[in-house]
Amino acid sequence: MFSSKYRVHAVLILMALLIVFIPMFNERPEKEKAEAASAAAAEFLQLVDAEKFAESWRISASLLKEKVSEEVWIEQLHKIRATAGPLVERTEEEMTYSTEAKGSPEGEYIRIVYDTSFEANPDASEIITVMLDRDKTWRVAGYFVK
């Protein structure tokens, strides 16, 4: 079919493609985990969009509550949302799974990136980290707007 010269090239190209694409497939969460994480993020964002910041802290992961007090959380979200303005549109762009998160213990984490448009910041991104909490419930462990 191919001469031996071309077979070596074909094998090398195939190996390079596998090295690039296999990690991408491994980063995708299983369907059930993805659905649970999306539901947790949606509930959280609904509270944040309604400026119910204290409630968003209360439903968050225990890890977030250990790192950030409720008062600091509320203050930071007020600043973020005052600068960004009301939500105009939000679209989920990316979802990745990991068993590690910077500065956090090993566990199950799903990072969701949203392409978001706020009134004062039409080209924003929201990054939410959802984790499987101690009680085996998926909860938001991090929220960042850029």
N, C-alpha and C. Protein backbone atom coordinates (compact mmCIF):
# COMPACT_ATOMS: atom_id res chain seq x y z
N MET A 1 0.82 -1.19 0.00
CA MET A 1 0.00 0.00 0.00
C MET A 1 0.87 1.26 0.00
N PHE A 2 1.62 1.50 1.09
CA PHE A 2 2.58 2.60 1.15
C PHE A 2 3.98 2.01 1.18
N SER A 3 4.92 2.72 0.64
CA SER A 3 6.30 2.25 0.75
C SER A 3 6.73 2.42 2.21
N SER A 4 7.75 1.73 2.62
CA SER A 4 8.19 1.78 4.02
C SER A 4 8.58 3.20 4.43
N LYS A 5 9.06 3.97 3.50
CA LYS A 5 9.44 5.37 3.77
C LYS A 5 8.20 6.16 4.21
N TYR A 6 7.09 5.98 3.55
CA TYR A 6 5.87 6.72 3.86
C TYR A 6 5.13 6.14 5.07
N ARG A 7 5.30 4.85 5.31
CA ARG A 7 4.66 4.24 6.48
C ARG A 7 5.21 4.85 7.77
N VAL A 8 6.48 5.08 7.81
CA VAL A 8 7.10 5.69 9.00
C VAL A 8 6.51 7.08 9.22
N HIS A 9 6.36 7.85 8.15
CA HIS A 9 5.77 9.19 8.27
C HIS A 9 4.31 9.11 8.74
N ALA A 10 3.57 8.17 8.20
CA ALA A 10 2.17 8.01 8.59
C ALA A 10 2.06 7.63 10.06
N VAL A 11 2.92 6.74 10.53
CA VAL A 11 2.90 6.33 11.94
C VAL A 11 3.26 7.52 12.83
N LEU A 12 4.27 8.28 12.44
CA LEU A 12 4.67 9.45 13.24
C LEU A 12 3.56 10.50 13.30
N ILE A 13 2.90 10.73 12.19
CA ILE A 13 1.79 11.69 12.17
C ILE A 13 0.65 11.20 13.05
N LEU A 14 0.32 9.93 12.96
CA LEU A 14 -0.74 9.35 13.79
C LEU A 14 -0.39 9.47 15.27
N MET A 15 0.83 9.18 15.63
CA MET A 15 1.26 9.28 17.03
C MET A 15 1.17 10.72 17.52
N ALA A 16 1.57 11.67 16.71
CA ALA A 16 1.50 13.08 17.08
C ALA A 16 0.05 13.51 17.31
N LEU A 17 -0.85 13.06 16.43
CA LEU A 17 -2.26 13.39 16.59
C LEU A 17 -2.82 12.78 17.88
N LEU A 18 -2.45 11.57 18.19
CA LEU A 18 -2.91 10.92 19.43
C LEU A 18 -2.40 11.67 20.65
N ILE A 19 -1.16 12.11 20.62
CA ILE A 19 -0.59 12.86 21.74
C ILE A 19 -1.36 14.16 21.96
N VAL A 20 -1.80 14.78 20.90
CA VAL A 20 -2.54 16.05 21.00
C VAL A 20 -3.98 15.82 21.44
N PHE A 21 -4.67 14.85 20.86
CA PHE A 21 -6.11 14.72 21.06
C PHE A 21 -6.53 13.85 22.23
N ILE A 22 -5.76 12.86 22.63
CA ILE A 22 -6.18 12.00 23.75
C ILE A 22 -6.37 12.80 25.03
N PRO A 23 -5.46 13.71 25.41
CA PRO A 23 -5.72 14.48 26.63
C PRO A 23 -7.02 15.29 26.56
N MET A 24 -7.38 15.76 25.40
CA MET A 24 -8.63 16.52 25.26
C MET A 24 -9.84 15.66 25.60
N PHE A 25 -9.82 14.42 25.15
CA PHE A 25 -10.95 13.53 25.43
C PHE A 25 -10.98 13.14 26.91
N ASN A 26 -9.82 13.00 27.52
CA ASN A 26 -9.77 12.64 28.93
C ASN A 26 -10.23 13.78 29.83
N GLU A 27 -10.17 15.01 29.37
CA GLU A 27 -10.57 16.16 30.16
C GLU A 27 -12.08 16.37 30.16
N ARG A 28 -12.80 15.73 29.27
CA ARG A 28 -14.25 15.89 29.22
C ARG A 28 -14.89 15.07 30.33
N PRO A 29 -15.82 15.68 31.08
CA PRO A 29 -16.48 14.91 32.13
C PRO A 29 -17.48 13.92 31.57
N GLU A 30 -17.75 12.88 32.35
CA GLU A 30 -18.80 11.93 31.99
C GLU A 30 -20.13 12.68 31.94
N LYS A 31 -21.07 12.16 31.16
CA LYS A 31 -22.35 12.84 30.94
C LYS A 31 -23.06 13.18 32.25
N GLU A 32 -23.17 12.24 33.17
CA GLU A 32 -23.88 12.46 34.43
C GLU A 32 -23.20 13.55 35.26
N LYS A 33 -21.88 13.52 35.28
CA LYS A 33 -21.13 14.53 36.04
C LYS A 33 -21.30 15.89 35.40
N ALA A 34 -21.25 15.94 34.07
CA ALA A 34 -21.41 17.20 33.35
C ALA A 34 -22.79 17.80 33.62
N GLU A 35 -23.81 16.97 33.59
CA GLU A 35 -25.17 17.46 33.83
C GLU A 35 -25.33 17.98 35.26
N ALA A 36 -24.77 17.26 36.23
CA ALA A 36 -24.86 17.68 37.62
C ALA A 36 -24.10 18.99 37.85
N ALA A 37 -22.93 19.10 37.24
CA ALA A 37 -22.14 20.33 37.37
C ALA A 37 -22.85 21.51 36.71
N SER A 38 -23.42 21.29 35.54
CA SER A 38 -24.16 22.36 34.86
C SER A 38 -25.35 22.82 35.69
N ALA A 39 -26.05 21.88 36.31
CA ALA A 39 -27.20 22.24 37.15
C ALA A 39 -26.76 23.05 38.36
N ALA A 40 -25.66 22.64 38.99
CA ALA A 40 -25.14 23.38 40.15
C ALA A 40 -24.71 24.78 39.75
N ALA A 41 -24.04 24.89 38.61
CA ALA A 41 -23.61 26.21 38.13
C ALA A 41 -24.80 27.09 37.78
N ALA A 42 -25.82 26.50 37.15
CA ALA A 42 -27.01 27.28 36.77
C ALA A 42 -27.74 27.80 38.00
N GLU A 43 -27.88 26.96 39.03
CA GLU A 43 -28.53 27.40 40.26
C GLU A 43 -27.74 28.54 40.91
N PHE A 44 -26.43 28.38 40.95
CA PHE A 44 -25.54 29.40 41.51
C PHE A 44 -25.66 30.71 40.73
N LEU A 45 -25.56 30.63 39.41
CA LEU A 45 -25.61 31.84 38.58
C LEU A 45 -26.96 32.54 38.67
N GLN A 46 -28.02 31.78 38.82
CA GLN A 46 -29.34 32.38 38.97
C GLN A 46 -29.38 33.25 40.23
N LEU A 47 -28.78 32.77 41.31
CA LEU A 47 -28.72 33.56 42.54
C LEU A 47 -27.84 34.79 42.38
N VAL A 48 -26.69 34.62 41.75
CA VAL A 48 -25.77 35.74 41.54
C VAL A 48 -26.41 36.78 40.63
N ASP A 49 -27.08 36.36 39.57
CA ASP A 49 -27.75 37.29 38.66
C ASP A 49 -28.85 38.07 39.37
N ALA A 50 -29.49 37.45 40.35
CA ALA A 50 -30.55 38.11 41.13
C ALA A 50 -29.97 38.89 42.31
N GLU A 51 -28.64 38.96 42.38
CA GLU A 51 -27.90 39.65 43.45
C GLU A 51 -28.21 39.07 44.83
N LYS A 52 -28.44 37.77 44.87
CA LYS A 52 -28.64 37.05 46.13
C LYS A 52 -27.30 36.41 46.50
N PHE A 53 -26.33 37.28 46.80
CA PHE A 53 -24.96 36.85 47.01
C PHE A 53 -24.80 35.97 48.26
N ALA A 54 -25.50 36.29 49.33
CA ALA A 54 -25.40 35.48 50.55
C ALA A 54 -25.92 34.07 50.28
N GLU A 55 -27.01 33.96 49.56
CA GLU A 55 -27.55 32.64 49.23
C GLU A 55 -26.58 31.87 48.33
N SER A 56 -25.92 32.57 47.40
CA SER A 56 -24.96 31.88 46.52
C SER A 56 -23.80 31.32 47.35
N TRP A 57 -23.39 32.04 48.39
CA TRP A 57 -22.32 31.54 49.27
C TRP A 57 -22.82 30.32 50.05
N ARG A 58 -24.06 30.36 50.53
CA ARG A 58 -24.61 29.26 51.34
C ARG A 58 -24.72 27.95 50.55
N ILE A 59 -24.98 28.02 49.25
CA ILE A 59 -25.10 26.78 48.46
C ILE A 59 -23.77 26.35 47.84
N SER A 60 -22.72 27.10 48.11
CA SER A 60 -21.40 26.80 47.54
C SER A 60 -20.74 25.64 48.27
N ALA A 61 -19.66 25.14 47.68
CA ALA A 61 -18.90 24.02 48.23
C ALA A 61 -18.27 24.40 49.56
N SER A 62 -18.09 23.41 50.40
CA SER A 62 -17.47 23.63 51.71
C SER A 62 -16.06 24.21 51.55
N LEU A 63 -15.36 23.84 50.51
CA LEU A 63 -14.02 24.36 50.25
C LEU A 63 -14.04 25.87 50.07
N LEU A 64 -14.99 26.38 49.31
CA LEU A 64 -15.11 27.83 49.11
C LEU A 64 -15.42 28.51 50.44
N LYS A 65 -16.33 27.94 51.21
CA LYS A 65 -16.71 28.53 52.49
C LYS A 65 -15.55 28.56 53.48
N GLU A 66 -14.66 27.56 53.39
CA GLU A 66 -13.49 27.53 54.27
C GLU A 66 -12.47 28.60 53.88
N LYS A 67 -12.40 28.92 52.59
CA LYS A 67 -11.41 29.87 52.11
C LYS A 67 -11.88 31.32 52.12
N VAL A 68 -13.19 31.53 51.96
CA VAL A 68 -13.74 32.89 51.84
C VAL A 68 -14.93 33.04 52.77
N SER A 69 -14.86 34.05 53.63
CA SER A 69 -15.99 34.28 54.53
C SER A 69 -17.19 34.81 53.75
N GLU A 70 -18.36 34.68 54.33
CA GLU A 70 -19.58 35.16 53.67
C GLU A 70 -19.51 36.66 53.43
N GLU A 71 -18.99 37.42 54.40
CA GLU A 71 -18.90 38.88 54.25
C GLU A 71 -17.99 39.27 53.08
N VAL A 72 -16.82 38.62 53.00
CA VAL A 72 -15.89 38.91 51.90
C VAL A 72 -16.50 38.51 50.57
N TRP A 73 -17.17 37.37 50.53
CA TRP A 73 -17.82 36.89 49.31
C TRP A 73 -18.83 37.91 48.80
N ILE A 74 -19.70 38.36 49.68
CA ILE A 74 -20.73 39.33 49.31
C ILE A 74 -20.10 40.63 48.81
N GLU A 75 -19.08 41.10 49.52
CA GLU A 75 -18.39 42.34 49.14
C GLU A 75 -17.76 42.21 47.74
N GLN A 76 -17.09 41.09 47.49
CA GLN A 76 -16.42 40.89 46.20
C GLN A 76 -17.43 40.78 45.05
N LEU A 77 -18.52 40.06 45.27
CA LEU A 77 -19.52 39.93 44.21
C LEU A 77 -20.22 41.26 43.93
N HIS A 78 -20.44 42.06 44.98
CA HIS A 78 -21.01 43.40 44.76
C HIS A 78 -20.09 44.22 43.84
N LYS A 79 -18.79 44.17 44.12
CA LYS A 79 -17.82 44.92 43.29
C LYS A 79 -17.82 44.43 41.85
N ILE A 80 -17.76 43.10 41.69
CA ILE A 80 -17.71 42.51 40.34
C ILE A 80 -18.95 42.89 39.54
N ARG A 81 -20.11 42.71 40.14
CA ARG A 81 -21.35 42.96 39.41
C ARG A 81 -21.64 44.45 39.24
N ALA A 82 -21.18 45.28 40.16
CA ALA A 82 -21.36 46.73 39.99
C ALA A 82 -20.54 47.22 38.79
N THR A 83 -19.37 46.65 38.61
CA THR A 83 -18.51 47.02 37.49
C THR A 83 -19.05 46.48 36.17
N ALA A 84 -19.51 45.24 36.17
CA ALA A 84 -19.96 44.58 34.94
C ALA A 84 -21.35 45.03 34.50
N GLY A 85 -22.21 45.32 35.45
CA GLY A 85 -23.58 45.67 35.11
C GLY A 85 -24.44 44.43 34.98
N PRO A 86 -25.71 44.60 34.65
CA PRO A 86 -26.64 43.47 34.53
C PRO A 86 -26.24 42.51 33.40
N LEU A 87 -26.63 41.26 33.57
CA LEU A 87 -26.39 40.24 32.56
C LEU A 87 -27.22 40.52 31.32
N VAL A 88 -26.59 40.38 30.15
CA VAL A 88 -27.30 40.50 28.88
C VAL A 88 -27.47 39.10 28.28
N GLU A 89 -26.37 38.34 28.23
CA GLU A 89 -26.41 37.01 27.62
C GLU A 89 -25.27 36.16 28.15
N ARG A 90 -25.51 34.84 28.22
CA ARG A 90 -24.49 33.90 28.71
C ARG A 90 -24.60 32.61 27.90
N THR A 91 -23.45 32.13 27.41
CA THR A 91 -23.40 30.89 26.63
C THR A 91 -22.26 30.03 27.15
N GLU A 92 -22.55 28.77 27.44
CA GLU A 92 -21.49 27.86 27.87
C GLU A 92 -20.56 27.59 26.70
N GLU A 93 -19.27 27.79 26.94
CA GLU A 93 -18.28 27.62 25.88
C GLU A 93 -17.44 26.36 26.04
N GLU A 94 -17.13 26.01 27.28
CA GLU A 94 -16.17 24.93 27.49
C GLU A 94 -16.42 24.29 28.85
N MET A 95 -16.18 22.98 28.91
CA MET A 95 -16.29 22.26 30.18
C MET A 95 -15.17 21.23 30.23
N THR A 96 -14.39 21.26 31.31
CA THR A 96 -13.29 20.30 31.45
C THR A 96 -13.33 19.67 32.84
N TYR A 97 -12.85 18.45 32.90
CA TYR A 97 -12.83 17.66 34.14
C TYR A 97 -11.39 17.46 34.60
N SER A 98 -11.19 17.49 35.92
CA SER A 98 -9.87 17.23 36.47
C SER A 98 -10.01 16.69 37.89
N THR A 99 -8.98 16.02 38.35
CA THR A 99 -8.95 15.57 39.74
C THR A 99 -8.06 16.47 40.58
N GLU A 100 -7.60 17.56 39.97
CA GLU A 100 -6.76 18.53 40.67
C GLU A 100 -7.23 19.94 40.37
N ALA A 101 -7.06 20.82 41.35
CA ALA A 101 -7.32 22.24 41.16
C ALA A 101 -6.26 22.98 41.97
N LYS A 102 -5.72 24.03 41.39
CA LYS A 102 -4.64 24.77 42.02
C LYS A 102 -5.04 25.23 43.43
N GLY A 103 -4.20 24.89 44.40
CA GLY A 103 -4.44 25.31 45.77
C GLY A 103 -5.57 24.58 46.47
N SER A 104 -5.99 23.45 45.92
CA SER A 104 -7.10 22.69 46.49
C SER A 104 -6.71 21.22 46.61
N PRO A 105 -7.37 20.50 47.51
CA PRO A 105 -7.05 19.08 47.66
C PRO A 105 -7.50 18.27 46.44
N GLU A 106 -6.95 17.06 46.32
CA GLU A 106 -7.40 16.19 45.23
C GLU A 106 -8.89 15.94 45.38
N GLY A 107 -9.56 15.83 44.26
CA GLY A 107 -10.99 15.60 44.26
C GLY A 107 -11.48 15.58 42.83
N GLU A 108 -12.76 15.80 42.64
CA GLU A 108 -13.32 15.87 41.30
C GLU A 108 -13.77 17.30 41.04
N TYR A 109 -13.23 17.89 39.99
CA TYR A 109 -13.50 19.28 39.65
C TYR A 109 -13.94 19.39 38.19
N ILE A 110 -14.91 20.23 37.95
CA ILE A 110 -15.32 20.53 36.58
C ILE A 110 -15.28 22.04 36.42
N ARG A 111 -14.54 22.46 35.42
CA ARG A 111 -14.39 23.89 35.13
C ARG A 111 -15.29 24.22 33.95
N ILE A 112 -16.15 25.22 34.15
CA ILE A 112 -17.08 25.63 33.09
C ILE A 112 -16.75 27.08 32.73
N VAL A 113 -16.55 27.32 31.45
CA VAL A 113 -16.28 28.67 30.96
C VAL A 113 -17.48 29.13 30.15
N TYR A 114 -17.95 30.31 30.49
CA TYR A 114 -19.08 30.91 29.79
C TYR A 114 -18.63 32.15 29.03
N ASP A 115 -19.11 32.30 27.82
CA ASP A 115 -18.96 33.54 27.06
C ASP A 115 -20.13 34.41 27.52
N THR A 116 -19.83 35.50 28.21
CA THR A 116 -20.86 36.28 28.87
C THR A 116 -20.83 37.72 28.41
N SER A 117 -22.00 38.28 28.28
CA SER A 117 -22.14 39.69 27.94
C SER A 117 -22.89 40.38 29.07
N PHE A 118 -22.23 41.35 29.67
CA PHE A 118 -22.87 42.22 30.66
C PHE A 118 -23.08 43.58 30.03
N GLU A 119 -23.97 44.36 30.60
CA GLU A 119 -24.27 45.68 30.05
C GLU A 119 -23.01 46.54 29.91
N ALA A 120 -22.17 46.56 30.95
CA ALA A 120 -20.97 47.38 30.92
C ALA A 120 -19.73 46.64 30.45
N ASN A 121 -19.85 45.35 30.23
CA ASN A 121 -18.72 44.53 29.79
C ASN A 121 -19.23 43.46 28.82
N PRO A 122 -19.42 43.85 27.56
CA PRO A 122 -20.03 42.92 26.60
C PRO A 122 -19.15 41.74 26.19
N ASP A 123 -17.85 41.78 26.46
CA ASP A 123 -16.94 40.71 26.03
C ASP A 123 -16.32 39.98 27.22
N ALA A 124 -17.12 39.64 28.20
CA ALA A 124 -16.60 39.01 29.41
C ALA A 124 -16.61 37.49 29.29
N SER A 125 -15.90 36.87 30.21
CA SER A 125 -15.94 35.42 30.40
C SER A 125 -16.18 35.18 31.88
N GLU A 126 -17.00 34.19 32.17
CA GLU A 126 -17.19 33.74 33.55
C GLU A 126 -16.61 32.35 33.63
N ILE A 127 -15.84 32.11 34.68
CA ILE A 127 -15.23 30.80 34.89
C ILE A 127 -15.72 30.29 36.23
N ILE A 128 -16.37 29.14 36.19
CA ILE A 128 -16.91 28.54 37.40
C ILE A 128 -16.25 27.18 37.59
N THR A 129 -15.78 26.95 38.81
CA THR A 129 -15.25 25.64 39.16
C THR A 129 -16.29 24.97 40.06
N VAL A 130 -16.74 23.81 39.63
CA VAL A 130 -17.71 23.02 40.39
C VAL A 130 -16.97 21.79 40.89
N MET A 131 -17.22 21.42 42.14
CA MET A 131 -16.53 20.25 42.69
C MET A 131 -17.53 19.30 43.33
N LEU A 132 -17.13 18.04 43.41
CA LEU A 132 -17.92 17.06 44.13
C LEU A 132 -17.59 17.23 45.60
N ASP A 133 -18.55 17.75 46.37
CA ASP A 133 -18.33 18.10 47.77
C ASP A 133 -18.31 16.85 48.65
N ARG A 134 -18.02 17.04 49.92
CA ARG A 134 -17.90 15.93 50.87
C ARG A 134 -19.15 15.06 50.94
N ASP A 135 -20.32 15.70 50.73
CA ASP A 135 -21.58 14.95 50.80
C ASP A 135 -21.97 14.35 49.44
N LYS A 136 -21.02 14.34 48.50
CA LYS A 136 -21.20 13.78 47.15
C LYS A 136 -22.19 14.57 46.30
N THR A 137 -22.31 15.86 46.58
CA THR A 137 -23.14 16.77 45.80
C THR A 137 -22.23 17.73 45.05
N TRP A 138 -22.53 17.98 43.79
CA TRP A 138 -21.75 18.93 43.00
C TRP A 138 -22.14 20.34 43.42
N ARG A 139 -21.11 21.15 43.78
CA ARG A 139 -21.33 22.53 44.23
C ARG A 139 -20.24 23.43 43.66
N VAL A 140 -20.58 24.71 43.55
CA VAL A 140 -19.62 25.69 43.04
C VAL A 140 -18.54 25.94 44.09
N ALA A 141 -17.29 25.85 43.65
CA ALA A 141 -16.15 26.07 44.53
C ALA A 141 -15.34 27.30 44.11
N GLY A 142 -15.71 27.90 42.97
CA GLY A 142 -14.99 29.09 42.51
C GLY A 142 -15.76 29.81 41.43
N TYR A 143 -15.63 31.14 41.44
CA TYR A 143 -16.31 31.98 40.45
C TYR A 143 -15.39 33.14 40.12
N PHE A 144 -15.17 33.35 38.83
CA PHE A 144 -14.25 34.40 38.38
C PHE A 144 -14.81 35.03 37.11
N VAL A 145 -14.75 36.36 37.05
CA VAL A 145 -15.18 37.09 35.85
C VAL A 145 -13.99 37.81 35.29
N LYS A 146 -13.76 37.64 33.98
CA LYS A 146 -12.67 38.41 33.35
C LYS A 146 -13.16 39.03 32.06
